[in-house]
Protein backbone atom coordinates (compact mmCIF):
# COMPACT_ATOMS: atom_id res chain seq x y z
CA MET A 1 -0.11 0.14 0.09
CA GLN A 2 1.44 3.15 -1.06
CA SER A 3 0.91 7.26 -1.05
CA ARG A 4 2.73 9.23 -3.69
CA SER A 5 2.76 12.66 -4.95
CA TYR A 6 4.07 13.48 -8.65
CA GLY A 7 3.35 17.18 -8.43
CA GLY A 8 3.36 20.18 -6.22
CA GLY A 9 0.78 18.71 -3.74
CA LYS A 10 1.37 16.81 -0.51
CA ALA A 11 0.74 13.21 -0.75
CA GLY A 12 -1.98 11.64 1.44
CA ASP A 13 -1.27 10.43 4.86
CA LEU A 14 -1.50 6.51 5.81
CA THR A 15 -2.86 5.62 9.14
CA PHE A 16 -3.26 2.18 10.40
CA ASN A 17 -4.92 1.51 13.79
CA ILE A 18 -5.26 -2.31 14.14
CA PRO A 19 -5.52 -3.73 17.55
CA GLY A 20 -4.03 -7.23 16.89
CA ARG A 21 -1.20 -7.60 14.64
CA ILE A 22 0.27 -5.85 11.60
CA SER A 23 2.92 -8.41 9.51
CA LEU A 24 4.79 -7.49 6.36
CA ALA A 25 6.46 -10.29 4.80
CA GLY A 26 8.62 -11.20 1.75
CA GLN A 27 8.02 -10.40 -2.08
CA SER A 28 5.87 -10.81 -4.82
CA LEU A 29 5.49 -14.18 -6.09
CA LEU A 30 5.73 -12.97 -9.84
CA ASP A 31 8.65 -10.35 -9.35
CA SER A 32 11.15 -10.86 -6.47
CA SER A 33 12.27 -7.22 -6.60
CA ILE A 34 9.12 -5.90 -5.42
CA SER A 35 8.73 -6.45 -1.61
CA SER A 36 5.73 -6.37 0.67
CA ASN A 37 5.45 -2.79 1.55
CA ILE A 38 3.73 0.08 3.13
CA ALA A 39 5.23 3.50 1.91
CA SER A 40 4.73 6.96 1.09
CA PHE A 41 6.98 8.68 -1.75
CA THR A 42 7.56 11.96 -3.39
CA PHE A 43 8.91 12.16 -6.74
CA SER A 44 8.35 15.95 -7.00
CA ALA A 45 8.17 19.23 -4.93
CA GLY A 46 5.34 18.08 -3.04
CA ASN A 47 6.15 16.33 0.26
CA ALA A 48 5.25 12.77 1.01
CA GLY A 49 2.56 11.89 3.31
CA ASN A 50 3.06 10.93 6.66
CA LEU A 51 2.72 7.20 8.12
CA ASN A 52 1.17 6.36 11.51
CA ILE A 53 1.02 2.98 12.61
CA THR A 54 -0.81 1.75 15.77
CA THR A 55 -1.13 -1.94 16.63
CA GLN A 56 -0.17 -4.42 19.49
CA ASN A 57 2.21 -6.38 17.27
CA LEU A 58 4.13 -5.45 14.39
CA SER A 59 6.26 -7.66 12.17
CA ILE A 60 8.36 -6.65 9.10
CA LEU A 61 9.81 -10.04 7.85
CA ASP A 62 11.99 -11.43 5.16
CA GLY A 63 12.83 -8.22 2.81
CA ALA A 64 9.49 -6.36 3.77
CA ILE A 65 9.57 -2.56 3.67
CA LEU A 66 7.52 0.10 5.79
CA THR A 67 9.22 3.36 4.54
CA SER A 68 8.72 7.16 3.55
CA ALA A 69 11.14 8.47 0.81
CA THR A 70 11.82 11.47 -1.24
CA LEU A 71 13.10 11.06 -4.65
CA ASP A 72 13.10 14.83 -5.40
CA GLU A 73 13.00 18.30 -3.86
CA GLY A 74 10.14 17.50 -1.57
CA ARG A 75 10.23 16.62 1.99
CA GLY A 76 9.77 12.99 3.07
CA GLY A 77 7.10 12.15 5.48
CA ASN A 78 7.27 11.56 9.31
CA LEU A 79 7.13 7.89 10.40
CA GLU A 80 5.48 7.26 13.64
CA VAL A 81 4.90 3.81 15.24
CA GLN A 82 3.28 2.80 18.46
CA ALA A 83 2.91 -0.79 19.80
CA GLU A 84 3.95 -3.30 22.49
CA ASN A 85 6.17 -5.48 19.98
CA LEU A 86 7.98 -4.39 16.90
CA VAL A 87 10.11 -7.17 15.16
CA ILE A 88 12.46 -6.24 11.88
CA ASP A 89 13.65 -9.78 10.71
CA GLY A 90 15.77 -10.97 8.01
CA PHE A 91 16.43 -9.93 4.34
CA GLU A 92 15.38 -10.82 0.64
CA PRO A 93 17.78 -13.81 -0.22
CA ILE A 94 18.39 -12.93 -3.96
CA GLY A 95 19.44 -8.97 -3.67
CA LEU A 96 20.07 -9.36 -0.15
CA ALA A 97 17.82 -6.11 0.45
CA PRO A 98 16.95 -5.88 4.22
CA SER A 99 13.59 -5.78 6.16
CA SER A 100 13.47 -2.26 7.03
CA LEU A 101 11.74 0.35 8.35
CA SER A 102 13.29 3.57 7.33
CA SER A 103 13.02 7.20 5.80
CA ALA A 104 15.33 8.14 3.00
CA ALA A 105 16.30 11.07 0.96
CA LEU A 106 17.78 10.31 -2.50
CA ASN A 107 17.83 13.76 -3.93
CA SER A 108 17.69 17.30 -2.69
CA GLY A 109 14.49 16.92 -0.26
CA ASN A 110 15.37 16.00 3.24
CA SER A 111 13.83 12.84 4.66
CA SER A 112 11.74 13.37 7.77
CA ALA A 113 11.80 11.86 11.26
CA VAL A 114 11.36 8.20 12.37
CA ASN A 115 9.53 7.95 15.94
CA ILE A 116 9.41 4.57 17.67
CA ASN A 117 7.41 3.79 20.55
CA VAL A 118 7.09 0.40 21.79
CA ALA A 119 7.45 -1.81 24.68
CA ARG A 120 10.11 -4.35 22.99
CA LEU A 121 11.95 -3.82 19.99
CA SER A 122 13.89 -6.56 18.26
CA VAL A 123 16.11 -5.91 15.21
CA LEU A 124 17.38 -9.56 13.90
CA ASN A 125 19.26 -11.43 11.27
CA GLY A 126 19.64 -8.37 8.69
CA GLY A 127 16.88 -6.31 9.56
CA VAL A 128 17.32 -2.42 9.59
CA LEU A 129 15.59 0.34 11.65
CA SER A 130 17.17 3.51 9.88
CA THR A 131 17.01 7.14 8.46
CA SER A 132 19.58 7.78 5.79
CA THR A 133 20.51 9.97 2.57
CA LEU A 134 22.22 9.19 -0.88
CA GLY A 135 21.84 12.73 -2.20
CA GLU A 136 22.19 16.29 -1.08
CA GLY A 137 19.03 16.04 1.31
CA ASN A 138 19.69 15.69 5.11
CA ALA A 139 18.50 11.99 6.46
CA GLY A 140 15.75 12.60 9.47
CA THR A 141 16.02 12.00 13.27
CA LEU A 142 15.54 8.79 14.58
CA THR A 143 13.97 8.25 18.08
CA VAL A 144 13.39 5.09 19.65
CA ILE A 145 11.58 4.78 23.12
CA ALA A 146 11.51 1.41 24.18
CA SER A 147 9.80 0.85 28.04
CA GLU A 148 11.16 -2.58 28.37
CA SER A 149 14.03 -3.48 25.93
CA VAL A 150 15.99 -2.85 22.73
CA TYR A 151 17.49 -6.28 21.56
CA ILE A 152 19.79 -6.11 18.33
CA ASN A 153 21.12 -9.64 16.75
CA ASP A 154 22.82 -9.72 13.59
CA ASN A 155 23.43 -13.27 13.71
CA THR A 156 23.90 -13.87 9.72
CA PRO A 157 27.13 -15.50 8.01
CA ASN A 158 27.20 -13.02 5.06
CA PRO A 159 29.37 -10.17 6.00
CA LEU A 160 27.30 -7.78 3.44
CA ILE A 161 24.57 -7.92 5.78
CA ILE A 162 24.19 -5.73 9.14
CA SER A 163 21.44 -5.84 11.30
CA GLY A 164 21.12 -2.22 13.24
CA VAL A 165 19.55 0.69 14.53
CA LEU A 166 21.16 3.71 12.63
CA SER A 167 21.58 6.80 10.40
CA ASP A 168 23.90 6.91 7.70
CA ALA A 169 24.73 8.59 4.07
CA PRO A 170 26.22 5.36 2.61
CA ILE A 171 27.52 4.79 -1.03
CA VAL A 172 25.55 2.54 -2.65
CA GLU A 173 26.42 0.29 -5.98
CA GLN A 174 26.61 1.89 -9.45
CA SER A 175 23.56 -0.24 -10.77
CA PHE A 176 21.60 1.60 -7.83
CA GLN A 177 23.12 4.85 -8.34
CA GLU A 178 21.95 4.83 -12.06
CA ARG A 179 18.70 3.40 -11.48
CA LEU A 180 17.51 5.87 -9.16
CA GLY A 181 19.75 8.52 -10.27
CA VAL A 182 21.67 9.31 -7.02
CA PRO A 183 25.13 10.74 -7.12
CA GLU A 184 28.30 8.77 -6.68
CA SER A 185 28.80 10.10 -3.18
CA PRO A 186 26.22 11.98 -0.97
CA SER A 187 26.46 15.50 0.17
CA GLY A 188 23.72 15.54 2.80
CA ASN A 189 23.98 15.11 6.48
CA SER A 190 23.03 11.95 8.19
CA GLY A 191 20.56 12.37 11.14
CA SER A 192 20.79 11.77 14.70
CA VAL A 193 19.96 8.74 16.75
CA GLN A 194 18.53 8.67 20.15
CA ILE A 195 17.59 5.48 22.18
CA ASN A 196 15.61 5.57 25.35
CA THR A 197 15.48 1.94 27.25
CA PRO A 198 15.95 0.11 30.25
CA ARG A 199 17.91 -2.83 28.60
CA LEU A 200 20.10 -2.21 25.36
CA THR A 201 21.46 -5.69 24.01
CA ILE A 202 23.64 -5.78 20.88
CA VAL A 203 25.16 -8.99 20.00
CA ASN A 204 26.59 -10.97 16.93
CA GLY A 205 27.76 -8.15 14.94
CA GLY A 206 24.59 -5.82 15.56
CA LEU A 207 24.90 -2.31 15.17
CA VAL A 208 23.91 0.99 16.75
CA ALA A 209 25.53 3.86 14.64
CA VAL A 210 25.48 7.30 12.85
CA SER A 211 27.80 7.41 9.92
CA ASN A 212 28.49 9.47 6.73
CA ARG A 213 30.55 8.03 3.94
CA GLY A 214 30.07 11.27 1.84
CA SER A 215 30.99 14.74 2.54
CA GLY A 216 28.32 15.68 4.90
CA ASN A 217 28.42 15.67 8.89
CA SER A 218 27.58 12.53 11.02
CA GLY A 219 24.43 13.24 13.47
CA ARG A 220 24.68 12.58 16.98
CA LEU A 221 24.02 9.20 18.81
CA GLN A 222 22.70 9.24 22.39
CA ILE A 223 21.68 6.24 24.42
CA ASN A 224 19.49 6.61 27.62
CA ALA A 225 19.69 3.06 29.36
CA ASP A 226 20.23 1.60 32.53
CA GLU A 227 21.97 -1.17 31.19
CA VAL A 228 24.11 -1.80 27.97
CA ILE A 229 25.11 -5.03 27.03
CA LEU A 230 27.51 -5.67 24.10
CA ASN A 231 28.41 -9.20 22.93
CA ARG A 232 30.15 -10.94 20.06
CA THR A 233 31.41 -8.06 17.98
CA GLY A 234 28.27 -5.87 18.68
CA ALA A 235 29.02 -2.48 18.42
CA ILE A 236 28.10 1.27 19.26
CA THR A 237 29.87 3.76 16.78
CA ALA A 238 30.04 7.20 14.97
CA SER A 239 32.02 8.32 12.05
CA SER A 240 32.48 10.41 8.93
CA ASN A 241 34.61 10.37 5.89
CA SER A 242 35.31 14.12 5.55
CA GLY A 243 32.34 15.87 7.50
CA GLN A 244 32.22 16.49 11.18
CA GLY A 245 32.04 12.95 12.95
CA GLY A 246 28.76 12.62 15.57
CA ASP A 247 29.03 12.63 18.96
CA VAL A 248 28.22 9.50 21.24
CA ILE A 249 26.65 10.40 24.39
CA LEU A 250 25.71 7.56 26.79
CA TYR A 251 23.68 8.10 29.98
């Protein structure tokens, strides 16, 4: 299900209020490049619509996508999730596309905020929760409030696959650059990441990070937690290529 803007007007908002469960999983049987998705896009000067999800259990599995993105100068829509359990798990095995909950800027427009308010967040086996920029626009802020726990476990043998909560400005493959018209190197700033939870666990190569591989700055990474557990190469990082590196703040 998608909301799109192709002109100067704002795309419509998408709001889901489902008492039990929302589950997105896998790809089309006819075309594996098409993932199950809920998305809001702008391809123009108009802004993308907001995405608002309220449910007991939200699962994003096997390469499915929940996203807001701008592919032009319009602003991406805010993405808000309220749930007891949020699980982002797995990836699409052919193209290695991750299960993802994200906002993205692919041109001059800025992506918007992602706000997660849950009891328990699990990011597993290649899943990704992120904001990002591939172009001139800036990535949005990512805020996670988890009243019980955040658990990040990569646990995949493929080194190209990373499970994480992050805001980044990556350099993508040439074929992807050509298909979406993004530059060789991003110039926008990555966003800030804030996690508030009693217990944060990052294991098996899982990652919480702000980074920028282009010319822009990295955002700030702030973690407010009673307990932080890093095990088996779990990591908390901030880095930049040529811009100002992000601050890491632990409370």
